[in-house]
N, C-alpha and C. Protein backbone atom coordinates (compact mmCIF):
# COMPACT_ATOMS: atom_id res chain seq x y z
N MET A 1 66.21 35.66 132.92
CA MET A 1 66.68 36.68 132.01
C MET A 1 65.94 37.99 132.26
N GLU A 2 64.65 37.91 132.50
CA GLU A 2 63.86 39.11 132.71
C GLU A 2 64.27 39.83 134.00
N LYS A 3 64.58 39.07 135.06
CA LYS A 3 65.00 39.68 136.32
C LYS A 3 66.32 40.41 136.16
N GLU A 4 67.22 39.90 135.33
CA GLU A 4 68.50 40.56 135.10
C GLU A 4 68.30 41.92 134.45
N ASN A 5 67.40 42.05 133.50
CA ASN A 5 67.13 43.33 132.84
C ASN A 5 66.56 44.35 133.83
N ASN A 6 65.68 43.91 134.72
CA ASN A 6 65.12 44.83 135.71
C ASN A 6 66.19 45.34 136.66
N LYS A 7 67.16 44.51 137.05
CA LYS A 7 68.22 44.93 137.96
C LYS A 7 69.13 45.95 137.30
N LYS A 8 69.37 45.81 136.03
CA LYS A 8 70.23 46.75 135.32
C LYS A 8 69.51 48.06 135.02
N GLY A 9 68.23 48.02 134.79
CA GLY A 9 67.46 49.21 134.45
C GLY A 9 66.77 49.77 135.68
N PHE A 10 65.68 50.47 135.47
CA PHE A 10 64.90 51.06 136.55
C PHE A 10 64.03 50.00 137.20
N ASP A 11 63.81 50.14 138.49
CA ASP A 11 62.91 49.26 139.20
C ASP A 11 61.49 49.81 139.01
N ILE A 12 60.71 49.16 138.17
CA ILE A 12 59.38 49.63 137.79
C ILE A 12 58.47 49.80 139.00
N ASP A 13 58.55 48.89 139.95
CA ASP A 13 57.69 48.98 141.14
C ASP A 13 57.96 50.27 141.92
N LYS A 14 59.22 50.64 142.07
CA LYS A 14 59.57 51.86 142.81
C LYS A 14 59.10 53.10 142.06
N ILE A 15 59.21 53.09 140.76
CA ILE A 15 58.76 54.23 139.96
C ILE A 15 57.25 54.40 140.10
N VAL A 16 56.50 53.31 140.06
CA VAL A 16 55.04 53.37 140.19
C VAL A 16 54.66 53.90 141.57
N ILE A 17 55.34 53.45 142.61
CA ILE A 17 55.04 53.90 143.98
C ILE A 17 55.32 55.39 144.12
N VAL A 18 56.44 55.87 143.60
CA VAL A 18 56.78 57.29 143.68
C VAL A 18 55.76 58.11 142.89
N ALA A 19 55.37 57.64 141.72
CA ALA A 19 54.38 58.35 140.91
C ALA A 19 53.04 58.42 141.63
N LEU A 20 52.60 57.34 142.22
CA LEU A 20 51.33 57.34 142.96
C LEU A 20 51.40 58.28 144.16
N PHE A 21 52.51 58.28 144.86
CA PHE A 21 52.69 59.19 145.99
C PHE A 21 52.59 60.64 145.53
N GLY A 22 53.22 60.96 144.41
CA GLY A 22 53.16 62.31 143.86
C GLY A 22 51.74 62.71 143.49
N ILE A 23 51.00 61.80 142.91
CA ILE A 23 49.61 62.07 142.53
C ILE A 23 48.77 62.31 143.78
N ILE A 24 48.98 61.54 144.82
CA ILE A 24 48.23 61.72 146.07
C ILE A 24 48.54 63.08 146.67
N VAL A 25 49.79 63.49 146.69
CA VAL A 25 50.17 64.80 147.22
C VAL A 25 49.51 65.91 146.41
N LEU A 26 49.52 65.80 145.10
CA LEU A 26 48.88 66.81 144.26
C LEU A 26 47.36 66.88 144.51
N LEU A 27 46.73 65.74 144.69
CA LEU A 27 45.29 65.72 144.99
C LEU A 27 44.99 66.39 146.32
N ILE A 28 45.82 66.16 147.32
CA ILE A 28 45.63 66.80 148.63
C ILE A 28 45.77 68.31 148.49
N ILE A 29 46.77 68.77 147.77
CA ILE A 29 46.96 70.21 147.55
C ILE A 29 45.75 70.78 146.83
N LEU A 30 45.26 70.11 145.82
CA LEU A 30 44.10 70.57 145.07
C LEU A 30 42.86 70.66 145.95
N ILE A 31 42.66 69.70 146.82
CA ILE A 31 41.50 69.71 147.71
C ILE A 31 41.57 70.91 148.65
N PHE A 32 42.74 71.18 149.21
CA PHE A 32 42.89 72.34 150.09
C PHE A 32 42.70 73.63 149.32
N LYS A 33 43.19 73.69 148.12
CA LYS A 33 43.05 74.89 147.29
C LYS A 33 41.59 75.16 146.96
N LEU A 34 40.84 74.13 146.64
CA LEU A 34 39.42 74.29 146.31
C LEU A 34 38.60 74.70 147.53
N ASN A 35 39.04 74.32 148.71
CA ASN A 35 38.31 74.68 149.93
C ASN A 35 38.68 76.05 150.45
N ASP A 36 39.68 76.68 149.88
CA ASP A 36 40.11 78.00 150.34
C ASP A 36 39.25 79.05 149.67
N ASN A 37 38.35 79.65 150.43
CA ASN A 37 37.42 80.64 149.88
C ASN A 37 38.02 82.02 149.74
N ASP A 38 39.20 82.25 150.29
CA ASP A 38 39.81 83.58 150.26
C ASP A 38 40.83 83.73 149.14
N ASP A 39 40.84 82.86 148.15
CA ASP A 39 41.83 82.95 147.08
C ASP A 39 41.75 84.25 146.31
N LYS A 40 40.56 84.82 146.19
CA LYS A 40 40.41 86.02 145.39
C LYS A 40 40.66 87.29 146.19
N TYR A 41 41.07 87.14 147.43
CA TYR A 41 41.30 88.29 148.28
C TYR A 41 42.77 88.41 148.67
N ILE A 42 43.21 89.64 148.82
CA ILE A 42 44.49 89.89 149.47
C ILE A 42 44.18 90.77 150.67
N TYR A 43 45.13 90.86 151.55
CA TYR A 43 44.92 91.66 152.74
C TYR A 43 45.93 92.79 152.78
N ASN A 44 45.42 93.98 152.98
CA ASN A 44 46.25 95.17 153.08
C ASN A 44 46.18 95.60 154.54
N ASN A 45 47.07 95.04 155.34
CA ASN A 45 47.04 95.28 156.77
C ASN A 45 47.93 96.46 157.10
N THR A 46 47.35 97.53 157.56
CA THR A 46 48.13 98.73 157.86
C THR A 46 48.45 98.88 159.34
N ASN A 47 48.03 97.93 160.17
CA ASN A 47 48.29 98.08 161.59
C ASN A 47 49.62 97.48 162.03
N GLY A 48 50.42 97.00 161.11
CA GLY A 48 51.77 96.58 161.41
C GLY A 48 51.94 95.15 161.87
N ASN A 49 50.86 94.41 162.10
CA ASN A 49 51.04 93.00 162.46
C ASN A 49 50.28 92.12 161.48
N ASN A 50 50.41 90.85 161.63
CA ASN A 50 49.82 89.93 160.66
C ASN A 50 48.59 89.23 161.20
N SER A 51 47.91 89.81 162.17
CA SER A 51 46.71 89.18 162.71
C SER A 51 45.59 90.20 162.80
N ASN A 52 44.41 89.72 163.13
CA ASN A 52 43.25 90.58 163.35
C ASN A 52 42.90 91.43 162.13
N TYR A 53 42.79 90.80 160.98
CA TYR A 53 42.37 91.52 159.78
C TYR A 53 40.91 91.91 159.91
N THR A 54 40.58 93.06 159.39
CA THR A 54 39.19 93.52 159.41
C THR A 54 38.64 93.47 157.99
N ALA A 55 37.37 93.74 157.85
CA ALA A 55 36.74 93.76 156.52
C ALA A 55 37.39 94.81 155.64
N ASN A 56 37.85 95.91 156.23
CA ASN A 56 38.50 96.95 155.44
C ASN A 56 39.87 96.53 154.91
N ASP A 57 40.47 95.53 155.54
CA ASP A 57 41.77 95.04 155.10
C ASP A 57 41.64 94.08 153.93
N ARG A 58 40.46 93.56 153.70
CA ARG A 58 40.21 92.54 152.69
C ARG A 58 39.93 93.22 151.35
N ILE A 59 40.74 92.91 150.35
CA ILE A 59 40.61 93.54 149.04
C ILE A 59 40.30 92.47 148.01
N ASP A 60 39.18 92.63 147.33
CA ASP A 60 38.75 91.70 146.29
C ASP A 60 39.56 91.97 145.02
N THR A 61 40.33 90.99 144.59
CA THR A 61 41.21 91.17 143.43
C THR A 61 40.63 90.60 142.14
N THR A 62 39.39 90.13 142.17
CA THR A 62 38.84 89.46 140.98
C THR A 62 38.62 90.40 139.80
N ASN A 63 38.42 91.69 140.05
CA ASN A 63 38.13 92.63 138.96
C ASN A 63 39.32 93.49 138.57
N ILE A 64 40.48 93.19 139.10
CA ILE A 64 41.66 93.99 138.76
C ILE A 64 42.06 93.69 137.31
N LYS A 65 42.16 94.74 136.51
CA LYS A 65 42.51 94.58 135.09
C LYS A 65 43.90 95.13 134.77
N ILE A 66 44.42 96.02 135.62
CA ILE A 66 45.74 96.60 135.35
C ILE A 66 46.71 96.18 136.45
N SER A 67 47.98 96.14 136.11
CA SER A 67 49.01 95.74 137.06
C SER A 67 49.55 96.95 137.80
N ARG A 68 50.40 96.71 138.78
CA ARG A 68 51.08 97.80 139.50
C ARG A 68 51.91 98.63 138.53
N ASP A 69 52.60 97.96 137.63
CA ASP A 69 53.41 98.67 136.64
C ASP A 69 52.55 99.54 135.73
N ASP A 70 51.38 99.01 135.34
CA ASP A 70 50.45 99.80 134.53
C ASP A 70 50.01 101.05 135.27
N ALA A 71 49.72 100.91 136.57
CA ALA A 71 49.28 102.06 137.37
C ALA A 71 50.37 103.12 137.43
N LEU A 72 51.61 102.69 137.61
CA LEU A 72 52.73 103.65 137.62
C LEU A 72 52.86 104.31 136.26
N ASP A 73 52.76 103.54 135.20
CA ASP A 73 52.85 104.11 133.85
C ASP A 73 51.76 105.16 133.59
N ILE A 74 50.56 104.90 134.09
CA ILE A 74 49.46 105.86 133.91
C ILE A 74 49.80 107.18 134.61
N ALA A 75 50.30 107.10 135.83
CA ALA A 75 50.67 108.32 136.57
C ALA A 75 51.81 109.06 135.88
N LEU A 76 52.82 108.32 135.44
CA LEU A 76 53.96 108.96 134.78
C LEU A 76 53.56 109.60 133.46
N LYS A 77 52.68 108.93 132.73
CA LYS A 77 52.20 109.49 131.46
C LYS A 77 51.40 110.77 131.71
N ASP A 78 50.63 110.78 132.77
CA ASP A 78 49.85 111.97 133.12
C ASP A 78 50.77 113.17 133.39
N LEU A 79 51.92 112.91 133.96
CA LEU A 79 52.87 113.98 134.29
C LEU A 79 53.93 114.20 133.22
N ASN A 80 53.96 113.32 132.23
CA ASN A 80 55.00 113.35 131.20
C ASN A 80 56.40 113.23 131.83
N ILE A 81 56.53 112.26 132.74
CA ILE A 81 57.78 111.98 133.43
C ILE A 81 58.23 110.57 133.05
N LYS A 82 59.53 110.39 132.89
CA LYS A 82 60.09 109.07 132.61
C LYS A 82 60.33 108.34 133.92
N ALA A 83 60.23 107.03 133.88
CA ALA A 83 60.45 106.21 135.08
C ALA A 83 61.86 106.42 135.63
N SER A 84 62.82 106.68 134.76
CA SER A 84 64.20 106.89 135.20
C SER A 84 64.37 108.18 135.99
N GLU A 85 63.37 109.06 135.94
CA GLU A 85 63.43 110.33 136.67
C GLU A 85 62.74 110.25 138.02
N THR A 86 62.32 109.05 138.44
CA THR A 86 61.59 108.89 139.69
C THR A 86 62.40 108.10 140.71
N PHE A 87 62.02 108.26 141.98
CA PHE A 87 62.62 107.46 143.05
C PHE A 87 61.62 107.33 144.19
N ASP A 88 61.92 106.47 145.14
CA ASP A 88 61.03 106.21 146.28
C ASP A 88 59.62 105.85 145.82
N ILE A 89 59.53 104.90 144.90
CA ILE A 89 58.23 104.48 144.37
C ILE A 89 57.58 103.50 145.34
N ASP A 90 56.30 103.74 145.66
CA ASP A 90 55.54 102.87 146.53
C ASP A 90 54.14 102.71 145.92
N ILE A 91 53.75 101.46 145.67
CA ILE A 91 52.45 101.19 145.04
C ILE A 91 51.73 100.14 145.89
N GLU A 92 50.51 100.47 146.32
CA GLU A 92 49.73 99.55 147.14
C GLU A 92 48.28 99.52 146.67
N LEU A 93 47.65 98.37 146.86
CA LEU A 93 46.22 98.24 146.59
C LEU A 93 45.44 98.68 147.82
N GLU A 94 44.35 99.40 147.59
CA GLU A 94 43.51 99.86 148.69
C GLU A 94 42.05 99.87 148.26
N ASN A 95 41.17 99.85 149.25
CA ASN A 95 39.74 100.10 149.03
C ASN A 95 39.51 101.58 149.26
N LYS A 96 39.26 102.32 148.19
CA LYS A 96 38.99 103.75 148.30
C LYS A 96 38.05 104.14 147.17
N TYR A 97 37.34 105.20 147.38
CA TYR A 97 36.44 105.74 146.35
C TYR A 97 35.43 104.70 145.86
N GLY A 98 35.09 103.76 146.72
CA GLY A 98 34.09 102.76 146.38
C GLY A 98 34.58 101.64 145.47
N SER A 99 35.89 101.54 145.27
CA SER A 99 36.43 100.46 144.44
C SER A 99 37.86 100.16 144.88
N VAL A 100 38.45 99.19 144.21
CA VAL A 100 39.84 98.83 144.48
C VAL A 100 40.72 99.74 143.64
N VAL A 101 41.66 100.40 144.30
CA VAL A 101 42.53 101.35 143.62
C VAL A 101 43.98 101.08 143.97
N TYR A 102 44.85 101.51 143.07
CA TYR A 102 46.27 101.54 143.37
C TYR A 102 46.60 102.91 143.93
N GLU A 103 47.24 102.94 145.09
CA GLU A 103 47.79 104.18 145.59
C GLU A 103 49.24 104.20 145.13
N VAL A 104 49.56 105.15 144.27
CA VAL A 104 50.90 105.24 143.67
C VAL A 104 51.57 106.49 144.22
N ASN A 105 52.68 106.30 144.92
CA ASN A 105 53.46 107.40 145.48
C ASN A 105 54.87 107.33 144.93
N PHE A 106 55.41 108.47 144.55
CA PHE A 106 56.79 108.52 144.09
C PHE A 106 57.30 109.95 144.15
N ASN A 107 58.60 110.08 144.04
CA ASN A 107 59.23 111.38 144.01
C ASN A 107 59.91 111.57 142.66
N SER A 108 59.94 112.83 142.23
CA SER A 108 60.67 113.21 141.02
C SER A 108 61.13 114.64 141.21
N GLY A 109 62.41 114.86 141.08
CA GLY A 109 62.95 116.19 141.34
C GLY A 109 62.70 116.56 142.78
N ILE A 110 62.10 117.72 143.00
CA ILE A 110 61.81 118.16 144.36
C ILE A 110 60.36 117.89 144.76
N HIS A 111 59.62 117.20 143.91
CA HIS A 111 58.20 116.97 144.17
C HIS A 111 57.91 115.53 144.59
N GLU A 112 56.89 115.42 145.43
CA GLU A 112 56.35 114.12 145.79
C GLU A 112 54.95 114.03 145.18
N TYR A 113 54.65 112.92 144.54
CA TYR A 113 53.37 112.74 143.86
C TYR A 113 52.59 111.59 144.50
N GLU A 114 51.29 111.76 144.50
CA GLU A 114 50.40 110.71 144.99
C GLU A 114 49.24 110.59 143.99
N TYR A 115 49.00 109.36 143.56
CA TYR A 115 47.91 109.08 142.62
C TYR A 115 47.06 107.94 143.18
N TYR A 116 45.76 108.04 142.95
CA TYR A 116 44.85 106.94 143.17
C TYR A 116 44.29 106.57 141.81
N ILE A 117 44.57 105.33 141.40
CA ILE A 117 44.20 104.87 140.07
C ILE A 117 43.31 103.64 140.20
N ASP A 118 42.14 103.68 139.57
CA ASP A 118 41.20 102.57 139.61
C ASP A 118 41.87 101.32 139.03
N ALA A 119 41.87 100.24 139.81
CA ALA A 119 42.57 99.01 139.40
C ALA A 119 41.84 98.26 138.30
N LYS A 120 40.59 98.60 138.05
CA LYS A 120 39.84 97.94 136.99
C LYS A 120 39.93 98.72 135.68
N SER A 121 39.70 100.04 135.75
CA SER A 121 39.62 100.83 134.53
C SER A 121 40.90 101.58 134.19
N GLY A 122 41.77 101.81 135.17
CA GLY A 122 42.96 102.61 134.94
C GLY A 122 42.70 104.10 135.03
N GLU A 123 41.49 104.48 135.42
CA GLU A 123 41.12 105.89 135.54
C GLU A 123 41.81 106.53 136.74
N ILE A 124 42.32 107.73 136.56
CA ILE A 124 42.92 108.48 137.66
C ILE A 124 41.77 109.07 138.49
N LEU A 125 41.67 108.65 139.75
CA LEU A 125 40.60 109.12 140.61
C LEU A 125 41.02 110.32 141.44
N HIS A 126 42.29 110.43 141.71
CA HIS A 126 42.81 111.53 142.52
C HIS A 126 44.31 111.65 142.27
N SER A 127 44.78 112.87 142.25
CA SER A 127 46.24 113.07 142.18
C SER A 127 46.60 114.25 143.05
N PHE A 128 47.81 114.22 143.57
CA PHE A 128 48.26 115.26 144.48
C PHE A 128 49.76 115.45 144.28
N LYS A 129 50.19 116.69 144.35
CA LYS A 129 51.60 117.02 144.17
C LYS A 129 52.00 118.01 145.25
N GLU A 130 53.16 117.75 145.87
CA GLU A 130 53.67 118.67 146.86
C GLU A 130 55.19 118.72 146.78
N ILE A 131 55.74 119.79 147.30
CA ILE A 131 57.20 119.91 147.35
C ILE A 131 57.70 119.03 148.49
N ASP A 132 58.68 118.21 148.21
CA ASP A 132 59.24 117.29 149.20
C ASP A 132 60.46 117.96 149.82
N TYR A 133 60.35 118.32 151.07
CA TYR A 133 61.45 119.01 151.76
C TYR A 133 62.47 118.05 152.26
């Protein structure tokens, strides 16, 4: 009688084997993740390929407190411009001015704007405006 119920329902042995396999896979992923010492870094490679990163390409992201969107909002608020009035927005993380900064570039009207915003404090470190021909 008991064997008949198992045939009609789930095969418990197969479920246990699949569950154990899943746990083993998760443990392997966790082990590799714990051994990866570069988790807190991103790479900003400006030389156009994906190899030969230098120390200058390595950006420590552990102290970043504001997002890319926050950085754009700070620049727009400084200019009293709405996001809907901008185009060609480009935001990148960089090592500049002795810290990690967002380089925020965008156009509005006939002007092109460039901002460097501290990724930790949100402070505007540099801004530049020029006529975009």
